Amino acid sequence: MLVNAKEMILKAKAGKYAIAQININNLEWTKAALETVQELNSPVILGVTSGAAKWMGGWNAVVGMVNGLMKDLKITVPVALHLDHGGAIEICKEAIDAGFTSVMYDGSHDSIEKNVEDTRTVVEYAAKANVSVEAEVGTVGGTEDGVTGGVNYASLDECVSIAETGIDFLAASLGSVHGNYVGEPKLGFKEMVQYSKKTDLPLVLHGGSGIPDDMIKKAISSGQSKINVNTEVQQAFSAGIRKYIEEEKDQSGTGYDPRKVIGTYAYNNMKEVIKRKIELFGSIDKA
């Protein structure tokens, strides 16, 4: 049964570890994530962007797929299904109505006043369905789901304002980017500590792929309790497909079977990345 993400993230904050948000893009992605967290006895958040939901058939299709896999795979660890970067109130409502148990309202493209107003509307709607809410202040750099932006640090005043809407966790942009980093990431660790203490909220680190392990550990100790991972899993998947084709396995026997194309290298590659991240974040046996 899918759960609200609030409890698992509050436990992570108290225990000084982080919950991984693994973004999913199809059934194999979801199955790889669920099998891995069950093996490691770790809670997890499955992230879904609007674009990924559309690709998989829609909000209801995603919820049905995740619930079905959890039942058939006998998943017992806490799993939250989270809308990632919901850019409009109606998108958040659609995901909630379909059965998502957590949503992110991303009003970072608007003024802080409008961001606060719209976030409060989402919080009120989500509360009726026992759904946790994440909000974003500042701008995470890079590109995700077709949206590109530069890094814009969140201010303390903005974080305090958005925290007063009743959100459960806060994505305060402090130097991370979606996609690949150019050079070493420059993260605002001092601000993380300050913002976490002032808002009394768990922080969310977007763009968790490609950050050196020591910086991830420092970010967790500085207040980051949820870390989003997408790019590295995508890269692991595509590398596995490339290897399979380069070895011409698709040209031998029934090697063209998509279950073999995906399942030979790509699937295991994804599981390895997810496992490494969960080990790094410290959530093994925290279910």
C-alpha atoms as a PDB file:
ATOM      1  CA  MET A   1       0.000   0.000   0.000  1.00  0.00           C
ATOM      2  CA  LEU A   2       1.337   3.387  -0.993  1.00  0.00           C
ATOM      3  CA  VAL A   3       2.028   5.795   1.861  1.00  0.00           C
ATOM      4  CA  ASN A   4       2.294   9.516   2.469  1.00  0.00           C
ATOM      5  CA  ALA A   5       5.996  10.511   2.351  1.00  0.00           C
ATOM      6  CA  LYS A   6       5.946  12.720   5.444  1.00  0.00           C
ATOM      7  CA  GLU A   7       6.667  10.076   8.071  1.00  0.00           C
ATOM      8  CA  MET A   8       9.603   8.464   6.259  1.00  0.00           C
ATOM      9  CA  ILE A   9      11.224  11.835   5.621  1.00  0.00           C
ATOM     10  CA  LEU A  10      10.765  13.054   9.202  1.00  0.00           C
ATOM     11  CA  LYS A  11      12.418   9.834  10.395  1.00  0.00           C
ATOM     12  CA  ALA A  12      15.273  10.452   7.974  1.00  0.00           C
ATOM     13  CA  LYS A  13      15.694  14.003   9.269  1.00  0.00           C
ATOM     14  CA  ALA A  14      15.822  12.784  12.864  1.00  0.00           C
ATOM     15  CA  GLY A  15      18.168   9.918  11.991  1.00  0.00           C
ATOM     16  CA  LYS A  16      20.543  11.990   9.820  1.00  0.00           C
ATOM     17  CA  TYR A  17      20.073   9.919   6.663  1.00  0.00           C
ATOM     18  CA  ALA A  18      18.166  10.592   3.440  1.00  0.00           C
ATOM     19  CA  ILE A  19      15.357   8.960   1.491  1.00  0.00           C
ATOM     20  CA  ALA A  20      16.033   8.399  -2.194  1.00  0.00           C
ATOM     21  CA  GLN A  21      13.531   9.652  -4.721  1.00  0.00           C
ATOM     22  CA  ILE A  22      14.008   7.422  -7.745  1.00  0.00           C
ATOM     23  CA  ASN A  23      12.285   8.843 -10.794  1.00  0.00           C
ATOM     24  CA  ILE A  24      10.530   6.189 -12.870  1.00  0.00           C
ATOM     25  CA  ASN A  25       9.950   6.161 -16.608  1.00  0.00           C
ATOM     26  CA  ASN A  26       8.391   2.772 -17.361  1.00  0.00           C
ATOM     27  CA  LEU A  27       7.485  -0.578 -15.822  1.00  0.00           C
ATOM     28  CA  GLU A  28      11.055  -1.890 -15.785  1.00  0.00           C
ATOM     29  CA  TRP A  29      12.264   1.243 -13.986  1.00  0.00           C
ATOM     30  CA  THR A  30       9.582   0.808 -11.349  1.00  0.00           C
ATOM     31  CA  LYS A  31      10.223  -2.906 -10.924  1.00  0.00           C
ATOM     32  CA  ALA A  32      13.977  -2.355 -10.599  1.00  0.00           C
ATOM     33  CA  ALA A  33      13.445   0.283  -7.909  1.00  0.00           C
ATOM     34  CA  LEU A  34      10.904  -1.747  -5.954  1.00  0.00           C
ATOM     35  CA  GLU A  35      12.946  -4.956  -6.023  1.00  0.00           C
ATOM     36  CA  THR A  36      16.059  -3.117  -4.876  1.00  0.00           C
ATOM     37  CA  VAL A  37      14.473  -1.318  -1.932  1.00  0.00           C
ATOM     38  CA  GLN A  38      12.771  -4.519  -0.809  1.00  0.00           C
ATOM     39  CA  GLU A  39      16.126  -6.331  -0.887  1.00  0.00           C
ATOM     40  CA  LEU A  40      17.726  -3.520   1.124  1.00  0.00           C
ATOM     41  CA  ASN A  41      14.753  -3.004   3.476  1.00  0.00           C
ATOM     42  CA  SER A  42      14.713   0.698   2.622  1.00  0.00           C
ATOM     43  CA  PRO A  43      11.846   3.176   2.235  1.00  0.00           C
ATOM     44  CA  VAL A  44      11.655   4.868  -1.162  1.00  0.00           C
ATOM     45  CA  ILE A  45       9.884   7.636  -3.032  1.00  0.00           C
ATOM     46  CA  LEU A  46       9.022   6.960  -6.662  1.00  0.00           C
ATOM     47  CA  GLY A  47       9.108  10.266  -8.536  1.00  0.00           C
ATOM     48  CA  VAL A  48       7.041  10.927 -11.650  1.00  0.00           C
ATOM     49  CA  THR A  49       7.160  14.084 -13.751  1.00  0.00           C
ATOM     50  CA  SER A  50       4.203  15.180 -15.843  1.00  0.00           C
ATOM     51  CA  GLY A  51       6.100  14.156 -18.960  1.00  0.00           C
ATOM     52  CA  ALA A  52       6.869  10.701 -17.591  1.00  0.00           C
ATOM     53  CA  ALA A  53       3.235  10.232 -16.553  1.00  0.00           C
ATOM     54  CA  LYS A  54       2.089  11.137 -20.043  1.00  0.00           C
ATOM     55  CA  TRP A  55       4.602   8.706 -21.541  1.00  0.00           C
ATOM     56  CA  MET A  56       3.347   5.890 -19.326  1.00  0.00           C
ATOM     57  CA  GLY A  57      -0.287   6.552 -20.236  1.00  0.00           C
ATOM     58  CA  GLY A  58      -1.455   9.019 -17.596  1.00  0.00           C
ATOM     59  CA  TRP A  59      -1.809   9.440 -13.855  1.00  0.00           C
ATOM     60  CA  ASN A  60      -4.205   6.522 -13.388  1.00  0.00           C
ATOM     61  CA  ALA A  61      -2.023   4.201 -15.448  1.00  0.00           C
ATOM     62  CA  VAL A  62       0.998   5.024 -13.270  1.00  0.00           C
ATOM     63  CA  VAL A  63      -0.900   4.468 -10.021  1.00  0.00           C
ATOM     64  CA  GLY A  64      -2.334   1.196 -11.300  1.00  0.00           C
ATOM     65  CA  MET A  65       1.072  -0.040 -12.434  1.00  0.00           C
ATOM     66  CA  VAL A  66       2.796   0.815  -9.150  1.00  0.00           C
ATOM     67  CA  ASN A  67       0.035  -0.659  -6.997  1.00  0.00           C
ATOM     68  CA  GLY A  68      -0.038  -3.823  -9.119  1.00  0.00           C
ATOM     69  CA  LEU A  69       3.715  -4.295  -8.938  1.00  0.00           C
ATOM     70  CA  MET A  70       3.756  -3.750  -5.198  1.00  0.00           C
ATOM     71  CA  LYS A  71       1.090  -6.397  -4.738  1.00  0.00           C
ATOM     72  CA  ASP A  72       2.604  -8.986  -7.062  1.00  0.00           C
ATOM     73  CA  LEU A  73       6.187  -8.425  -5.902  1.00  0.00           C
ATOM     74  CA  LYS A  74       5.026  -8.530  -2.265  1.00  0.00           C
ATOM     75  CA  ILE A  75       6.627  -5.206  -1.414  1.00  0.00           C
ATOM     76  CA  THR A  76       6.475  -4.518   2.317  1.00  0.00           C
ATOM     77  CA  VAL A  77       8.744  -1.463   2.668  1.00  0.00           C
ATOM     78  CA  PRO A  78       7.184   2.035   2.723  1.00  0.00           C
ATOM     79  CA  VAL A  79       6.707   3.409  -0.800  1.00  0.00           C
ATOM     80  CA  ALA A  80       5.420   6.873  -1.675  1.00  0.00           C
ATOM     81  CA  LEU A  81       4.343   7.846  -5.194  1.00  0.00           C
ATOM     82  CA  HIS A  82       5.345  11.455  -5.735  1.00  0.00           C
ATOM     83  CA  LEU A  83       4.552  14.016  -8.419  1.00  0.00           C
ATOM     84  CA  ASP A  84       7.871  15.676  -9.303  1.00  0.00           C
ATOM     85  CA  HIS A  85       7.813  19.348 -10.371  1.00  0.00           C
ATOM     86  CA  GLY A  86       4.069  19.813 -10.647  1.00  0.00           C
ATOM     87  CA  GLY A  87       4.027  23.157 -12.418  1.00  0.00           C
ATOM     88  CA  ALA A  88       0.338  23.963 -11.941  1.00  0.00           C
ATOM     89  CA  ILE A  89      -2.282  23.535  -9.231  1.00  0.00           C
ATOM     90  CA  GLU A  90      -4.489  21.476 -11.542  1.00  0.00           C
ATOM     91  CA  ILE A  91      -1.657  19.034 -12.269  1.00  0.00           C
ATOM     92  CA  CYS A  92      -1.218  18.454  -8.536  1.00  0.00           C
ATOM     93  CA  LYS A  93      -4.957  17.897  -8.137  1.00  0.00           C
ATOM     94  CA  GLU A  94      -5.044  15.418 -11.021  1.00  0.00           C
ATOM     95  CA  ALA A  95      -2.201  13.388  -9.501  1.00  0.00           C
ATOM     96  CA  ILE A  96      -3.829  13.420  -6.061  1.00  0.00           C
ATOM     97  CA  ASP A  97      -7.191  12.384  -7.474  1.00  0.00           C
ATOM     98  CA  ALA A  98      -5.547   9.479  -9.309  1.00  0.00           C
ATOM     99  CA  GLY A  99      -3.973   8.151  -6.107  1.00  0.00           C
ATOM    100  CA  PHE A 100      -0.535   9.764  -5.800  1.00  0.00           C
ATOM    101  CA  THR A 101       0.403   9.965  -2.127  1.00  0.00           C
ATOM    102  CA  SER A 102       2.794  12.912  -2.371  1.00  0.00           C
ATOM    103  CA  VAL A 103       3.096  15.917  -4.678  1.00  0.00           C
ATOM    104  CA  MET A 104       5.532  18.700  -5.393  1.00  0.00           C
ATOM    105  CA  TYR A 105       4.076  22.036  -6.350  1.00  0.00           C
ATOM    106  CA  ASP A 106       6.792  23.934  -8.188  1.00  0.00           C
ATOM    107  CA  GLY A 107       5.910  27.610  -8.173  1.00  0.00           C
ATOM    108  CA  SER A 108       9.542  28.700  -8.354  1.00  0.00           C
ATOM    109  CA  HIS A 109       8.891  30.286 -11.763  1.00  0.00           C
ATOM    110  CA  ASP A 110       6.488  32.794 -10.147  1.00  0.00           C
ATOM    111  CA  SER A 111       6.924  35.587  -7.620  1.00  0.00           C
ATOM    112  CA  ILE A 112       7.302  34.422  -4.032  1.00  0.00           C
ATOM    113  CA  GLU A 113       3.877  35.902  -3.250  1.00  0.00           C
ATOM    114  CA  LYS A 114       2.140  33.827  -5.923  1.00  0.00           C
ATOM    115  CA  ASN A 115       4.253  30.783  -5.076  1.00  0.00           C
ATOM    116  CA  VAL A 116       3.094  31.005  -1.456  1.00  0.00           C
ATOM    117  CA  GLU A 117      -0.549  31.545  -2.441  1.00  0.00           C
ATOM    118  CA  ASP A 118      -0.634  28.620  -4.882  1.00  0.00           C
ATOM    119  CA  THR A 119       1.342  26.323  -2.608  1.00  0.00           C
ATOM    120  CA  ARG A 120      -1.168  26.961   0.180  1.00  0.00           C
ATOM    121  CA  THR A 121      -4.000  25.978  -2.197  1.00  0.00           C
ATOM    122  CA  VAL A 122      -2.228  22.689  -2.994  1.00  0.00           C
ATOM    123  CA  VAL A 123      -1.537  22.020   0.701  1.00  0.00           C
ATOM    124  CA  GLU A 124      -5.220  22.480   1.564  1.00  0.00           C
ATOM    125  CA  TYR A 125      -6.332  20.165  -1.251  1.00  0.00           C
ATOM    126  CA  ALA A 126      -3.691  17.537  -0.422  1.00  0.00           C
ATOM    127  CA  ALA A 127      -4.591  17.500   3.273  1.00  0.00           C
ATOM    128  CA  LYS A 128      -8.051  16.169   2.462  1.00  0.00           C
ATOM    129  CA  ALA A 129      -6.459  13.099   0.845  1.00  0.00           C
ATOM    130  CA  ASN A 130      -3.624  12.642   3.371  1.00  0.00           C
ATOM    131  CA  VAL A 131      -1.047  13.553   0.717  1.00  0.00           C
ATOM    132  CA  SER A 132       2.326  15.097   1.582  1.00  0.00           C
ATOM    133  CA  VAL A 133       3.465  18.274  -0.173  1.00  0.00           C
ATOM    134  CA  GLU A 134       6.867  19.549  -1.286  1.00  0.00           C
ATOM    135  CA  ALA A 135       7.453  23.090  -2.543  1.00  0.00           C
ATOM    136  CA  GLU A 136      10.373  24.752  -4.296  1.00  0.00           C
ATOM    137  CA  VAL A 137      11.988  28.126  -3.700  1.00  0.00           C
ATOM    138  CA  GLY A 138      14.766  29.399  -5.930  1.00  0.00           C
ATOM    139  CA  THR A 139      15.639  27.669  -9.189  1.00  0.00           C
ATOM    140  CA  VAL A 140      17.433  24.349  -9.664  1.00  0.00           C
ATOM    141  CA  GLY A 141      19.677  24.660 -12.709  1.00  0.00           C
ATOM    142  CA  GLY A 142      19.929  22.356 -15.723  1.00  0.00           C
ATOM    143  CA  THR A 143      17.161  20.621 -17.663  1.00  0.00           C
ATOM    144  CA  GLU A 144      14.413  18.259 -16.539  1.00  0.00           C
ATOM    145  CA  ASP A 145      11.307  17.200 -18.414  1.00  0.00           C
ATOM    146  CA  GLY A 146      11.964  19.772 -21.128  1.00  0.00           C
ATOM    147  CA  VAL A 147      12.323  22.714 -18.729  1.00  0.00           C
ATOM    148  CA  THR A 148      15.707  24.470 -18.607  1.00  0.00           C
ATOM    149  CA  GLY A 149      16.845  27.049 -16.085  1.00  0.00           C
ATOM    150  CA  GLY A 150      19.877  28.542 -14.404  1.00  0.00           C
ATOM    151  CA  VAL A 151      20.735  28.233 -10.721  1.00  0.00           C
ATOM    152  CA  ASN A 152      18.975  30.810  -8.563  1.00  0.00           C
ATOM    153  CA  TYR A 153      19.681  30.480  -4.840  1.00  0.00           C
ATOM    154  CA  ALA A 154      16.690  30.489  -2.513  1.00  0.00           C
ATOM    155  CA  SER A 155      16.684  33.210   0.139  1.00  0.00           C
ATOM    156  CA  LEU A 156      16.006  32.570   3.819  1.00  0.00           C
ATOM    157  CA  ASP A 157      13.004  34.912   3.797  1.00  0.00           C
ATOM    158  CA  GLU A 158      11.477  33.032   0.867  1.00  0.00           C
ATOM    159  CA  CYS A 159      11.986  29.719   2.624  1.00  0.00           C
ATOM    160  CA  VAL A 160      10.322  30.983   5.795  1.00  0.00           C
ATOM    161  CA  SER A 161       7.373  32.317   3.793  1.00  0.00           C
ATOM    162  CA  ILE A 162       6.806  29.059   1.919  1.00  0.00           C
ATOM    163  CA  ALA A 163       7.241  27.006   5.104  1.00  0.00           C
ATOM    164  CA  GLU A 164       4.298  28.848   6.656  1.00  0.00           C
ATOM    165  CA  THR A 165       1.943  27.310   4.051  1.00  0.00           C
ATOM    166  CA  GLY A 166       2.080  23.975   5.877  1.00  0.00           C
ATOM    167  CA  ILE A 167       4.276  22.035   3.438  1.00  0.00           C
ATOM    168  CA  ASP A 168       5.971  18.863   4.648  1.00  0.00           C
ATOM    169  CA  PHE A 169       9.404  19.287   3.035  1.00  0.00           C
ATOM    170  CA  LEU A 170      11.208  22.029   1.168  1.00  0.00           C
ATOM    171  CA  ALA A 171      13.266  22.071  -2.012  1.00  0.00           C
ATOM    172  CA  ALA A 172      15.417  25.136  -1.416  1.00  0.00           C
ATOM    173  CA  SER A 173      17.664  25.624  -4.439  1.00  0.00           C
ATOM    174  CA  LEU A 174      21.228  25.902  -3.179  1.00  0.00           C
ATOM    175  CA  GLY A 175      23.473  25.162  -6.134  1.00  0.00           C
ATOM    176  CA  SER A 176      22.359  21.772  -7.461  1.00  0.00           C
ATOM    177  CA  VAL A 177      21.346  21.151 -11.087  1.00  0.00           C
ATOM    178  CA  HIS A 178      19.298  18.647 -13.030  1.00  0.00           C
ATOM    179  CA  GLY A 179      21.263  16.542 -15.492  1.00  0.00           C
ATOM    180  CA  ASN A 180      25.056  16.533 -15.752  1.00  0.00           C
ATOM    181  CA  TYR A 181      27.250  18.934 -13.795  1.00  0.00           C
ATOM    182  CA  VAL A 182      29.881  21.002 -15.573  1.00  0.00           C
ATOM    183  CA  GLY A 183      32.815  20.868 -13.185  1.00  0.00           C
ATOM    184  CA  GLU A 184      32.369  20.171  -9.470  1.00  0.00           C
ATOM    185  CA  PRO A 185      29.022  21.151  -7.932  1.00  0.00           C
ATOM    186  CA  LYS A 186      29.040  24.258  -5.761  1.00  0.00           C
ATOM    187  CA  LEU A 187      26.513  23.620  -3.008  1.00  0.00           C
ATOM    188  CA  GLY A 188      25.476  26.029  -0.269  1.00  0.00           C
ATOM    189  CA  PHE A 189      26.092  23.896   2.818  1.00  0.00           C
ATOM    190  CA  LYS A 190      26.050  26.851   5.203  1.00  0.00           C
ATOM    191  CA  GLU A 191      22.645  27.897   3.863  1.00  0.00           C
ATOM    192  CA  MET A 192      21.347  24.328   4.156  1.00  0.00           C
ATOM    193  CA  VAL A 193      22.060  24.307   7.884  1.00  0.00           C
ATOM    194  CA  GLN A 194      20.583  27.754   8.368  1.00  0.00           C
ATOM    195  CA  TYR A 195      17.426  27.145   6.301  1.00  0.00           C
ATOM    196  CA  SER A 196      16.759  23.740   7.845  1.00  0.00           C
ATOM    197  CA  LYS A 197      17.037  25.155  11.362  1.00  0.00           C
ATOM    198  CA  LYS A 198      14.962  28.261  10.663  1.00  0.00           C
ATOM    199  CA  THR A 199      12.092  26.487   8.865  1.00  0.00           C
ATOM    200  CA  ASP A 200      12.253  23.272  10.944  1.00  0.00           C
ATOM    201  CA  LEU A 201      11.571  21.373   7.708  1.00  0.00           C
ATOM    202  CA  PRO A 202      13.380  18.490   6.015  1.00  0.00           C
ATOM    203  CA  LEU A 203      15.168  19.786   2.930  1.00  0.00           C
ATOM    204  CA  VAL A 204      15.097  18.210  -0.527  1.00  0.00           C
ATOM    205  CA  LEU A 205      18.127  18.044  -2.801  1.00  0.00           C
ATOM    206  CA  HIS A 206      17.186  18.016  -6.473  1.00  0.00           C
ATOM    207  CA  GLY A 207      19.819  17.026  -9.012  1.00  0.00           C
ATOM    208  CA  GLY A 208      21.346  14.332  -6.811  1.00  0.00           C
ATOM    209  CA  SER A 209      23.080  12.581  -9.720  1.00  0.00           C
ATOM    210  CA  GLY A 210      26.754  13.329 -10.244  1.00  0.00           C
ATOM    211  CA  ILE A 211      27.445  14.908  -6.848  1.00  0.00           C
ATOM    212  CA  PRO A 212      30.594  13.446  -5.205  1.00  0.00           C
ATOM    213  CA  ASP A 213      29.899  11.092  -2.305  1.00  0.00           C
ATOM    214  CA  ASP A 214      31.582  13.297   0.302  1.00  0.00           C
ATOM    215  CA  MET A 215      29.401  16.234  -0.736  1.00  0.00           C
ATOM    216  CA  ILE A 216      26.275  14.077  -0.526  1.00  0.00           C
ATOM    217  CA  LYS A 217      27.192  13.054   3.027  1.00  0.00           C
ATOM    218  CA  LYS A 218      27.847  16.668   3.966  1.00  0.00           C
ATOM    219  CA  ALA A 219      24.506  17.704   2.451  1.00  0.00           C
ATOM    220  CA  ILE A 220      22.698  15.073   4.523  1.00  0.00           C
ATOM    221  CA  SER A 221      24.412  16.233   7.707  1.00  0.00           C
ATOM    222  CA  SER A 222      23.423  19.793   6.737  1.00  0.00           C
ATOM    223  CA  GLY A 223      19.681  19.031   6.613  1.00  0.00           C
ATOM    224  CA  GLN A 224      18.945  17.286   3.319  1.00  0.00           C
ATOM    225  CA  SER A 225      16.533  14.436   4.068  1.00  0.00           C
ATOM    226  CA  LYS A 226      15.318  13.591   0.546  1.00  0.00           C
ATOM    227  CA  ILE A 227      17.615  13.329  -2.465  1.00  0.00           C
ATOM    228  CA  ASN A 228      16.326  12.995  -6.014  1.00  0.00           C
ATOM    229  CA  VAL A 229      18.070  10.635  -8.431  1.00  0.00           C
ATOM    230  CA  ASN A 230      17.193  10.400 -12.115  1.00  0.00           C
ATOM    231  CA  THR A 231      20.037  11.140 -14.539  1.00  0.00           C
ATOM    232  CA  GLU A 232      22.409   8.418 -13.315  1.00  0.00           C
ATOM    233  CA  VAL A 233      19.694   5.770 -13.572  1.00  0.00           C
ATOM    234  CA  GLN A 234      18.830   6.933 -17.095  1.00  0.00           C
ATOM    235  CA  GLN A 235      22.494   6.791 -18.070  1.00  0.00           C
ATOM    236  CA  ALA A 236      22.858   3.294 -16.605  1.00  0.00           C
ATOM    237  CA  PHE A 237      19.803   2.146 -18.564  1.00  0.00           C
ATOM    238  CA  SER A 238      21.014   3.561 -21.887  1.00  0.00           C
ATOM    239  CA  ALA A 239      24.550   2.197 -21.344  1.00  0.00           C
ATOM    240  CA  GLY A 240      23.077  -1.271 -20.870  1.00  0.00           C
ATOM    241  CA  ILE A 241      21.033  -1.020 -24.049  1.00  0.00           C
ATOM    242  CA  ARG A 242      24.068   0.237 -25.964  1.00  0.00           C
ATOM    243  CA  LYS A 243      26.217  -2.649 -24.744  1.00  0.00           C
ATOM    244  CA  TYR A 244      23.560  -5.184 -25.713  1.00  0.00           C
ATOM    245  CA  ILE A 245      23.268  -3.780 -29.248  1.00  0.00           C
ATOM    246  CA  GLU A 246      27.026  -3.347 -29.704  1.00  0.00           C
ATOM    247  CA  GLU A 247      27.492  -7.018 -28.776  1.00  0.00           C
ATOM    248  CA  GLU A 248      24.832  -7.803 -31.414  1.00  0.00           C
ATOM    249  CA  LYS A 249      22.878  -9.916 -28.964  1.00  0.00           C
ATOM    250  CA  ASP A 250      19.705  -8.722 -30.681  1.00  0.00           C
ATOM    251  CA  GLN A 251      20.896 -10.494 -33.853  1.00  0.00           C
ATOM    252  CA  SER A 252      21.209 -13.914 -32.213  1.00  0.00           C
ATOM    253  CA  GLY A 253      18.228 -16.237 -31.791  1.00  0.00           C
ATOM    254  CA  THR A 254      15.378 -14.390 -30.110  1.00  0.00           C
ATOM    255  CA  GLY A 255      17.687 -11.664 -28.839  1.00  0.00           C
ATOM    256  CA  TYR A 256      15.299  -9.093 -30.283  1.00  0.00           C
ATOM    257  CA  ASP A 257      12.857  -9.922 -27.460  1.00  0.00           C
ATOM    258  CA  PRO A 258      12.504  -6.636 -25.524  1.00  0.00           C
ATOM    259  CA  ARG A 259      12.660  -8.535 -22.259  1.00  0.00           C
ATOM    260  CA  LYS A 260      16.160  -9.634 -23.229  1.00  0.00           C
ATOM    261  CA  VAL A 261      17.132  -6.252 -24.678  1.00  0.00           C
ATOM    262  CA  ILE A 262      16.213  -4.522 -21.418  1.00  0.00           C
ATOM    263  CA  GLY A 263      16.758  -7.361 -18.988  1.00  0.00           C
ATOM    264  CA  THR A 264      20.283  -8.440 -19.887  1.00  0.00           C
ATOM    265  CA  TYR A 265      22.300  -5.352 -18.946  1.00  0.00           C
ATOM    266  CA  ALA A 266      20.086  -2.287 -18.617  1.00  0.00           C
ATOM    267  CA  TYR A 267      17.871  -3.660 -15.849  1.00  0.00           C
ATOM    268  CA  ASN A 268      20.766  -4.785 -13.662  1.00  0.00           C
ATOM    269  CA  ASN A 269      22.597  -1.524 -14.328  1.00  0.00           C
ATOM    270  CA  MET A 270      19.637   0.408 -12.935  1.00  0.00           C
ATOM    271  CA  LYS A 271      19.470  -1.775  -9.853  1.00  0.00           C
ATOM    272  CA  GLU A 272      23.174  -1.273  -9.180  1.00  0.00           C
ATOM    273  CA  VAL A 273      22.872   2.523  -9.322  1.00  0.00           C
ATOM    274  CA  ILE A 274      19.809   2.513  -7.073  1.00  0.00           C
ATOM    275  CA  LYS A 275      21.559   0.216  -4.601  1.00  0.00           C
ATOM    276  CA  ARG A 276      24.662   2.451  -4.477  1.00  0.00           C
ATOM    277  CA  LYS A 277      22.551   5.539  -3.845  1.00  0.00           C
ATOM    278  CA  ILE A 278      20.561   3.944  -1.052  1.00  0.00           C
ATOM    279  CA  GLU A 279      23.786   2.745   0.601  1.00  0.00           C
ATOM    280  CA  LEU A 280      25.246   6.248   0.289  1.00  0.00           C
ATOM    281  CA  PHE A 281      22.124   7.929   1.646  1.00  0.00           C
ATOM    282  CA  GLY A 282      22.102   5.617   4.676  1.00  0.00           C
ATOM    283  CA  SER A 283      18.520   4.305   4.429  1.00  0.00           C
ATOM    284  CA  ILE A 284      19.280   0.559   4.396  1.00  0.00           C
ATOM    285  CA  ASP A 285      17.185  -1.241   7.056  1.00  0.00           C
ATOM    286  CA  LYS A 286      15.263   1.939   7.802  1.00  0.00           C
ATOM    287  CA  ALA A 287      11.939   0.555   6.524  1.00  0.00           C
END
